[in-house]
Amino acid sequence: MLARSQTCRPVAAASGGTLTGDVSSAAEPPERVRNLLLQGDNLLKSARPERLKRALEAFEKARGVAADPSVDPRVRELVERRLTSLRQLMDEGA
């Protein structure tokens, strides 16, 4: 718990970017992919149909970032599986 004299300040990401509600563009590609996958997964956990589009957008961004050679190929496969699963879910709900 914070003492009365302490205040909350924005936290700088280890990569030099500022952490915000969006994934920091200063992060390394593997970290950005991880954060985008987490963002999409968290949106799916809410089980609200209106959030499926936002989850899809996060996974599609992750796919673009995962194209970087520094990202493990297994992670790229994971991103593709997430996209495929989400699209099937969206098709079933339509």
Foldseek 3Di string as FASTA:
>chain_A
DDDPVDDDDFDADPLGHTDDPQQTPSDQLQVLLVVLQVVLVVLVVVVDPVSLVVSLVSLVVSLVSCVDPVHDVVSNVVSVVVNVVSVVVNVVVD
